[in-house]
Amino acid sequence: MKSLRCFCVCSLLLLKVSTGFGDLRRPENVSMDSLNTRYVLRWDWPHETAINQTVTFTAQYILEYQSRKASNEKKWRLVCVNVLEHHCDFTGAILHYKISFLLRVRANTKQQSSSWVQISFCPEDHAALGPPSSVKLSPVKGDLEIIITDPLSSTNQSMKTLLEDKLSYLIQYWRRSEEPQKAKVLETKNNLVMLTELYRQTWYCVRVQSRDVLHNKSSVFSDTQCTHTEGQMPYWETFLYVLIGLLLFFLLLYFCFYKMFTLLKNTFYPAIQLPDHIQELLFSESEKPQLLSPECPVSVCVPLVLVRTELDAVAVNEESNAGEQDSSTHSRHSSGDSGVYSTEEDSSHRSTTHTDLQMSSQKHREKLHDGTLLELCA
């Protein structure tokens, strides 16, 4: 009877244990996210398989050659125990860069645990290579000096040491005005590189990629950096800049003179003339605007019809008076002599009349207010 009870209890325990391992889903998509010597194990796990249960995870590792013996089960080393996250950081485990390891992870609850999921991992073969830690550019006499710092491990050790000097760099450089697809390429193992045969006074951009040709690994490119080369500017470029500067200067000077000329012209010679009565108030006699230019004197002749008539009348009166006097004075003279005298007197009167007309004409010559000579002609 006791033996039957023991058999039943053992059967129930075995059934419970087998059920516990079979019901809980194990992690999925297990992979190692690595860069240089930084290693993080990641996985996925379906939450719906453990409703109302707290699920944790455990991760371990062992040297791959040690896992081949069943007796080495106790040599598995714990890295993460009952963690809630879906990742485990193996960086602190200090995995040797050239040795292969087995990594495993499982899900746990208070009542049961899933089966292990394991992967093989060798840092030298599987770890991604990082870009250079830093890239510095500096112009040197028309060339570009590039200082490259090696990618570093988690302990700040150069990856070149771990790769046994198999680390090299791929340098791309191009003019900033061009596309990166047209970049020139230079591969080197040196940390100090000098780029030559560059254009003077030109912006250049540089980016660097780490490479491990032996294991066919390449990093992403470093951040693009740009700098300006030194050196004397070409003569044609200097001449072009000077020519453009002079052209702009003369255009500005011409514009200023044009504006000033327009302002002065509109101020002193407006297009709209002031009325005559306003001009008489504003300007003096000599400042009034003239219709005729002072350089062109014009003689104006005004017929002196009335003056000539008056002079003729005066001449007739004088002749009559002179005739009367001559007749009274020279009545004793003969008729022949009187004819001669009258002729002489008549001619003298005519000459006197002509002389008076000339004097009268000269007296009527006037100068206009603008200096123009106005001649009154008889």
Protein backbone atom coordinates (compact mmCIF):
# COMPACT_ATOMS: atom_id res chain seq x y z
CA MET A 1 0.00 0.00 0.00
CA LYS A 2 2.82 2.41 0.87
CA SER A 3 4.58 1.57 -2.36
CA LEU A 4 1.44 2.42 -4.31
CA ARG A 5 1.22 5.80 -2.61
CA CYS A 6 4.86 6.58 -3.37
CA PHE A 7 4.34 5.63 -7.00
CA CYS A 8 1.36 7.95 -7.32
CA VAL A 9 3.19 10.87 -5.71
CA CYS A 10 6.24 10.42 -7.94
CA SER A 11 4.05 10.19 -11.01
CA LEU A 12 2.28 13.43 -10.12
CA LEU A 13 5.59 15.19 -9.49
CA LEU A 14 7.03 14.04 -12.80
CA LEU A 15 3.86 15.06 -14.59
CA LYS A 16 3.95 18.47 -12.95
CA VAL A 17 7.60 19.01 -13.86
CA SER A 18 7.11 17.91 -17.44
CA THR A 19 4.01 20.04 -17.72
CA GLY A 20 5.90 23.04 -16.31
CA PHE A 21 8.62 22.79 -18.93
CA GLY A 22 6.21 22.16 -21.74
CA ASP A 23 3.59 24.85 -21.14
CA LEU A 24 5.80 27.99 -20.82
CA ARG A 25 6.90 29.39 -24.15
CA ARG A 26 10.60 29.94 -24.60
CA PRO A 27 12.14 33.22 -25.92
CA GLU A 28 12.18 33.83 -29.65
CA ASN A 29 14.42 35.70 -32.14
CA VAL A 30 17.45 35.50 -29.89
CA SER A 31 20.38 37.52 -31.28
CA MET A 32 23.50 39.34 -30.18
CA ASP A 33 23.68 43.11 -30.71
CA SER A 34 27.40 43.87 -30.68
CA LEU A 35 29.72 46.75 -31.56
CA ASN A 36 33.46 46.38 -31.05
CA THR A 37 33.46 44.74 -27.58
CA ARG A 38 30.04 45.84 -26.40
CA TYR A 39 27.66 42.88 -26.42
CA VAL A 40 23.94 42.85 -25.66
CA LEU A 41 21.84 39.68 -26.00
CA ARG A 42 18.27 40.42 -27.16
CA TRP A 43 15.13 38.30 -27.59
CA ASP A 44 11.37 38.43 -28.01
CA TRP A 45 8.72 36.67 -25.96
CA PRO A 46 4.92 36.45 -26.54
CA HIS A 47 3.14 37.94 -23.52
CA GLU A 48 -0.20 36.23 -24.11
CA THR A 49 1.20 32.82 -23.15
CA ALA A 50 1.51 33.74 -19.46
CA ILE A 51 -1.59 35.65 -18.44
CA ASN A 52 -1.63 36.91 -14.85
CA GLN A 53 1.92 35.67 -14.34
CA THR A 54 5.20 37.48 -13.84
CA VAL A 55 7.76 36.22 -16.33
CA THR A 56 11.49 36.74 -15.85
CA PHE A 57 14.50 35.68 -17.88
CA THR A 58 17.85 34.11 -17.17
CA ALA A 59 20.89 34.26 -19.46
CA GLN A 60 24.17 32.33 -19.26
CA TYR A 61 27.31 31.67 -21.31
CA ILE A 62 30.06 29.06 -21.59
CA LEU A 63 33.09 28.43 -23.76
CA GLU A 64 31.93 26.54 -26.81
CA TYR A 65 34.45 23.71 -26.48
CA GLN A 66 33.40 23.18 -22.83
CA SER A 67 29.77 22.68 -23.76
CA ARG A 68 30.55 19.47 -25.60
CA LYS A 69 30.89 17.57 -22.33
CA ALA A 70 27.75 16.94 -20.29
CA SER A 71 29.81 17.04 -17.15
CA ASN A 72 30.51 20.72 -17.70
CA GLU A 73 26.90 21.77 -17.02
CA LYS A 74 28.01 23.49 -13.86
CA LYS A 75 30.50 25.62 -15.81
CA TRP A 76 27.76 27.79 -17.30
CA ARG A 77 28.21 31.32 -15.99
CA LEU A 78 25.26 33.47 -15.06
CA VAL A 79 25.07 36.98 -16.50
CA CYS A 80 21.41 37.92 -15.95
CA VAL A 81 19.11 36.21 -13.42
CA ASN A 82 15.34 36.72 -13.35
CA VAL A 83 15.38 40.02 -15.21
CA LEU A 84 12.18 41.52 -16.59
CA GLU A 85 13.78 43.12 -19.65
CA HIS A 86 14.07 41.36 -22.96
CA HIS A 87 17.81 41.92 -23.17
CA CYS A 88 20.96 41.12 -21.21
CA ASP A 89 24.24 43.04 -21.33
CA PHE A 90 27.21 40.70 -21.74
CA THR A 91 29.79 43.50 -21.93
CA GLY A 92 30.82 43.03 -18.32
CA ALA A 93 31.42 39.32 -18.91
CA ILE A 94 34.60 40.30 -20.82
CA LEU A 95 34.29 37.75 -23.57
CA HIS A 96 37.60 37.09 -25.26
CA TYR A 97 37.61 38.64 -28.73
CA LYS A 98 38.95 35.57 -30.56
CA ILE A 99 37.13 32.76 -28.72
CA SER A 100 33.73 31.25 -29.51
CA PHE A 101 31.05 31.09 -26.81
CA LEU A 102 27.62 29.58 -26.36
CA LEU A 103 24.96 31.91 -24.99
CA ARG A 104 21.57 30.77 -23.76
CA VAL A 105 18.40 32.28 -22.29
CA ARG A 106 15.10 30.97 -20.90
CA ALA A 107 11.83 32.32 -19.45
CA ASN A 108 10.83 31.74 -15.81
CA THR A 109 7.74 31.97 -13.62
CA LYS A 110 7.25 30.97 -10.00
CA GLN A 111 5.84 27.62 -11.02
CA GLN A 112 7.76 26.75 -14.18
CA SER A 113 10.58 27.53 -16.60
CA SER A 114 10.87 27.25 -20.35
CA SER A 115 13.51 25.34 -22.23
CA TRP A 116 16.83 27.02 -23.07
CA VAL A 117 17.48 28.81 -26.34
CA GLN A 118 21.17 29.06 -27.19
CA ILE A 119 23.27 30.64 -29.91
CA SER A 120 26.95 30.56 -30.83
CA PHE A 121 28.90 33.78 -30.74
CA CYS A 122 32.50 34.72 -31.60
CA PRO A 123 33.29 38.46 -31.28
CA GLU A 124 35.98 38.41 -33.94
CA ASP A 125 33.57 36.94 -36.50
CA HIS A 126 30.21 38.31 -35.42
CA ALA A 127 30.79 41.62 -33.62
CA ALA A 128 30.27 44.70 -35.76
CA LEU A 129 33.16 47.08 -36.25
CA GLY A 130 32.64 50.65 -35.16
CA PRO A 131 33.72 53.84 -37.01
CA PRO A 132 36.75 55.86 -35.88
CA SER A 133 36.35 57.45 -32.48
CA SER A 134 37.18 60.86 -33.93
CA VAL A 135 38.27 62.49 -37.19
CA LYS A 136 39.98 65.89 -37.16
CA LEU A 137 40.73 68.07 -40.19
CA SER A 138 43.23 70.90 -40.41
CA PRO A 139 44.49 72.83 -43.49
CA VAL A 140 48.26 72.85 -43.99
CA LYS A 141 49.69 74.99 -46.84
CA GLY A 142 46.97 74.18 -49.30
CA ASP A 143 46.68 70.52 -48.23
CA LEU A 144 44.42 68.81 -45.70
CA GLU A 145 45.75 66.92 -42.70
CA ILE A 146 43.48 64.18 -41.33
CA ILE A 147 44.02 62.76 -37.84
CA ILE A 148 42.09 59.51 -37.27
CA THR A 149 41.55 58.00 -33.83
CA ASP A 150 41.04 54.22 -33.73
CA PRO A 151 37.68 52.79 -32.67
CA LEU A 152 37.80 51.85 -28.99
CA SER A 153 36.66 48.82 -27.06
CA SER A 154 34.52 48.88 -23.92
CA THR A 155 37.72 49.24 -21.89
CA ASN A 156 38.96 52.15 -24.10
CA GLN A 157 41.48 49.89 -25.79
CA SER A 158 42.27 50.43 -29.46
CA MET A 159 40.55 47.93 -31.71
CA LYS A 160 43.72 47.85 -33.80
CA THR A 161 45.32 45.93 -30.93
CA LEU A 162 42.54 43.35 -30.89
CA LEU A 163 42.60 43.03 -34.68
CA GLU A 164 46.40 42.67 -34.73
CA ASP A 165 46.99 45.63 -37.08
CA LYS A 166 44.46 44.37 -39.60
CA LEU A 167 42.43 47.53 -39.15
CA SER A 168 42.43 49.95 -42.09
CA TYR A 169 40.51 53.08 -43.06
CA LEU A 170 38.62 54.09 -46.16
CA ILE A 171 38.67 57.88 -46.61
CA GLN A 172 36.22 59.69 -48.86
CA TYR A 173 36.73 63.38 -49.65
CA TRP A 174 35.02 65.75 -52.05
CA ARG A 175 34.43 69.41 -52.71
CA ARG A 176 31.47 70.70 -50.78
CA SER A 177 29.84 72.00 -53.97
CA GLU A 178 29.75 68.43 -55.33
CA GLU A 179 27.74 65.36 -54.36
CA PRO A 180 29.27 62.73 -52.01
CA GLN A 181 28.74 60.14 -54.75
CA LYS A 182 31.54 61.84 -56.70
CA ALA A 183 33.96 61.58 -53.79
CA LYS A 184 37.55 60.47 -54.22
CA VAL A 185 38.62 57.40 -52.21
CA LEU A 186 41.82 56.74 -50.31
CA GLU A 187 42.53 53.57 -48.26
CA THR A 188 45.23 53.57 -45.61
CA LYS A 189 46.29 52.00 -42.32
CA ASN A 190 47.84 55.19 -41.00
CA ASN A 191 46.23 57.43 -38.43
CA LEU A 192 47.78 60.55 -39.95
CA VAL A 193 46.92 61.20 -43.60
CA MET A 194 47.74 64.19 -45.80
CA LEU A 195 45.45 64.96 -48.74
CA THR A 196 47.34 66.70 -51.54
CA GLU A 197 46.62 68.13 -54.99
CA LEU A 198 43.60 70.04 -53.77
CA TYR A 199 42.13 73.29 -55.02
CA ARG A 200 43.22 76.37 -53.12
CA GLN A 201 40.70 78.37 -51.12
CA THR A 202 38.10 75.60 -51.50
CA TRP A 203 35.79 73.84 -49.06
CA TYR A 204 36.34 70.07 -48.76
CA CYS A 205 34.32 67.47 -46.85
CA VAL A 206 35.74 64.23 -45.42
CA ARG A 207 34.31 61.07 -43.86
CA VAL A 208 36.10 57.89 -42.76
CA GLN A 209 35.10 54.23 -42.52
CA SER A 210 36.82 51.49 -40.48
CA ARG A 211 37.50 48.21 -42.28
CA ASP A 212 38.62 44.68 -41.40
CA VAL A 213 39.34 43.11 -44.76
CA LEU A 214 40.27 39.71 -43.30
CA HIS A 215 36.83 39.18 -41.77
CA ASN A 216 35.04 41.28 -44.42
CA LYS A 217 33.75 43.81 -41.92
CA SER A 218 33.14 47.51 -42.52
CA SER A 219 31.80 50.13 -40.17
CA VAL A 220 29.40 52.91 -40.91
CA PHE A 221 30.99 56.19 -41.98
CA SER A 222 31.97 58.75 -39.40
CA ASP A 223 30.24 62.10 -39.25
CA THR A 224 31.02 64.28 -42.25
CA GLN A 225 33.40 67.15 -41.50
CA CYS A 226 34.23 70.07 -43.79
CA THR A 227 37.02 72.63 -43.79
CA HIS A 228 38.55 75.29 -46.05
CA THR A 229 41.92 74.85 -47.73
CA GLU A 230 44.52 77.61 -47.57
CA GLY A 231 46.89 78.94 -50.20
CA GLN A 232 47.05 81.87 -52.58
CA MET A 233 43.99 82.51 -54.67
CA PRO A 234 44.49 82.08 -58.45
CA TYR A 235 45.19 85.29 -60.36
CA TRP A 236 42.18 84.94 -62.62
CA GLU A 237 39.90 84.52 -59.61
CA THR A 238 41.43 87.57 -57.91
CA PHE A 239 40.99 89.62 -61.09
CA LEU A 240 37.38 88.48 -61.37
CA TYR A 241 36.58 89.51 -57.80
CA VAL A 242 38.24 92.92 -58.31
CA LEU A 243 36.34 93.45 -61.55
CA ILE A 244 33.03 92.60 -59.93
CA GLY A 245 33.81 94.93 -57.02
CA LEU A 246 34.67 97.84 -59.33
CA LEU A 247 31.55 97.26 -61.38
CA LEU A 248 29.36 97.35 -58.30
CA PHE A 249 31.15 100.47 -57.04
CA PHE A 250 30.64 102.40 -60.29
CA LEU A 251 27.02 101.33 -60.51
CA LEU A 252 26.45 102.63 -57.00
CA LEU A 253 28.31 105.86 -57.78
CA TYR A 254 26.30 106.40 -60.96
CA PHE A 255 23.07 105.81 -59.09
CA CYS A 256 24.01 108.37 -56.42
CA PHE A 257 24.97 111.02 -59.01
CA TYR A 258 21.80 110.40 -60.97
CA LYS A 259 19.63 110.83 -57.89
CA MET A 260 21.49 114.01 -56.89
CA PHE A 261 21.22 115.47 -60.40
CA THR A 262 17.51 114.71 -60.54
CA LEU A 263 16.98 116.33 -57.14
CA LEU A 264 18.86 119.51 -58.09
CA LYS A 265 17.12 119.74 -61.45
CA ASN A 266 13.67 119.39 -59.90
CA THR A 267 14.58 121.95 -57.24
CA PHE A 268 16.04 124.75 -59.38
CA TYR A 269 14.43 123.99 -62.74
CA PRO A 270 11.02 122.53 -62.02
CA ALA A 271 9.00 121.19 -64.91
CA ILE A 272 5.98 123.31 -63.89
CA GLN A 273 6.60 127.11 -64.17
CA LEU A 274 5.24 129.47 -61.54
CA PRO A 275 2.63 132.03 -62.57
CA ASP A 276 3.93 135.45 -63.62
CA HIS A 277 2.50 137.32 -60.64
CA ILE A 278 4.24 134.89 -58.24
CA GLN A 279 7.51 135.14 -60.16
CA GLU A 280 7.38 138.95 -59.85
CA LEU A 281 7.15 138.56 -56.07
CA LEU A 282 9.85 135.92 -55.74
CA PHE A 283 12.42 137.13 -58.27
CA SER A 284 14.10 140.44 -58.80
CA GLU A 285 14.21 142.08 -62.21
CA SER A 286 17.49 140.39 -63.14
CA GLU A 287 16.44 136.95 -61.72
CA LYS A 288 13.21 136.59 -63.66
CA PRO A 289 13.24 133.75 -66.16
CA GLN A 290 13.93 134.99 -69.67
CA LEU A 291 12.39 133.85 -72.90
CA LEU A 292 15.46 134.80 -74.95
CA SER A 293 19.04 133.92 -74.23
CA PRO A 294 21.31 136.84 -73.20
CA GLU A 295 23.91 135.71 -75.67
CA CYS A 296 21.68 136.51 -78.65
CA PRO A 297 21.02 140.27 -78.80
CA VAL A 298 18.09 141.20 -81.01
CA SER A 299 17.54 144.61 -82.51
CA VAL A 300 13.93 145.66 -82.54
CA CYS A 301 13.00 148.48 -84.90
CA VAL A 302 9.84 150.41 -84.19
CA PRO A 303 8.67 152.71 -86.96
CA LEU A 304 8.50 156.27 -85.72
CA VAL A 305 5.71 157.41 -87.93
CA LEU A 306 4.38 159.93 -85.44
CA VAL A 307 7.83 161.26 -84.66
CA ARG A 308 8.62 161.72 -88.33
CA THR A 309 5.30 163.49 -88.87
CA GLU A 310 5.99 165.86 -86.03
CA LEU A 311 9.46 166.57 -87.37
CA ASP A 312 8.03 167.29 -90.81
CA ALA A 313 5.54 169.69 -89.31
CA VAL A 314 8.27 171.45 -87.40
CA ALA A 315 10.37 171.67 -90.53
CA VAL A 316 7.48 173.16 -92.51
CA ASN A 317 6.85 175.76 -89.83
CA GLU A 318 10.48 176.63 -89.71
CA GLU A 319 10.58 176.97 -93.48
CA SER A 320 7.54 179.24 -93.48
CA ASN A 321 8.98 181.42 -90.77
CA ALA A 322 12.31 181.52 -92.47
CA GLY A 323 10.61 182.42 -95.75
CA GLU A 324 8.79 185.27 -94.18
CA GLN A 325 11.96 186.57 -92.61
CA ASP A 326 13.87 186.18 -95.81
CA SER A 327 11.17 187.91 -97.80
CA SER A 328 11.14 190.84 -95.45
CA THR A 329 14.89 191.03 -95.11
CA HIS A 330 15.86 190.37 -98.66
CA SER A 331 13.03 192.06 -100.47
CA ARG A 332 15.55 194.39 -102.00
CA HIS A 333 17.40 191.60 -103.64
CA SER A 334 16.65 190.52 -107.06
CA SER A 335 14.37 187.66 -107.88
CA GLY A 336 17.29 185.59 -109.16
CA ASP A 337 19.16 185.91 -105.89
CA SER A 338 16.09 184.98 -103.87
CA GLY A 339 15.79 181.76 -105.81
CA VAL A 340 19.36 180.83 -105.01
CA TYR A 341 18.95 181.61 -101.34
CA SER A 342 15.70 179.72 -101.09
CA THR A 343 17.40 176.69 -102.59
CA GLU A 344 20.27 176.89 -100.16
CA GLU A 345 17.94 177.35 -97.24
CA ASP A 346 15.82 174.44 -98.35
CA SER A 347 18.83 172.18 -98.53
CA SER A 348 20.03 173.39 -95.13
CA HIS A 349 16.60 172.67 -93.67
CA ARG A 350 16.62 169.19 -95.11
CA SER A 351 20.03 168.44 -93.68
CA THR A 352 18.89 169.81 -90.35
CA THR A 353 15.79 167.66 -90.50
CA HIS A 354 17.85 164.56 -91.32
CA THR A 355 20.22 165.29 -88.45
CA ASP A 356 17.33 165.74 -86.05
CA LEU A 357 15.85 162.44 -87.17
CA GLN A 358 19.13 160.65 -86.50
CA MET A 359 19.41 162.21 -83.06
CA SER A 360 15.81 161.39 -82.37
CA SER A 361 16.43 157.80 -83.49
CA GLN A 362 19.44 157.51 -81.22
CA LYS A 363 17.46 158.86 -78.30
CA HIS A 364 14.85 156.14 -78.77
CA ARG A 365 17.34 153.28 -78.48
CA GLU A 366 16.77 151.45 -75.22
CA LYS A 367 18.01 148.36 -73.54
CA LEU A 368 15.55 145.79 -72.43
CA HIS A 369 15.57 144.52 -68.84
CA ASP A 370 17.57 141.46 -69.85
CA GLY A 371 20.29 143.43 -71.61
CA THR A 372 18.79 143.11 -75.13
CA LEU A 373 19.29 146.21 -77.24
CA LEU A 374 16.00 147.60 -78.46
CA GLU A 375 16.52 149.89 -81.44
CA LEU A 376 13.72 152.15 -82.46
CA CYS A 377 14.10 152.87 -86.16
CA ALA A 378 12.61 155.91 -87.80
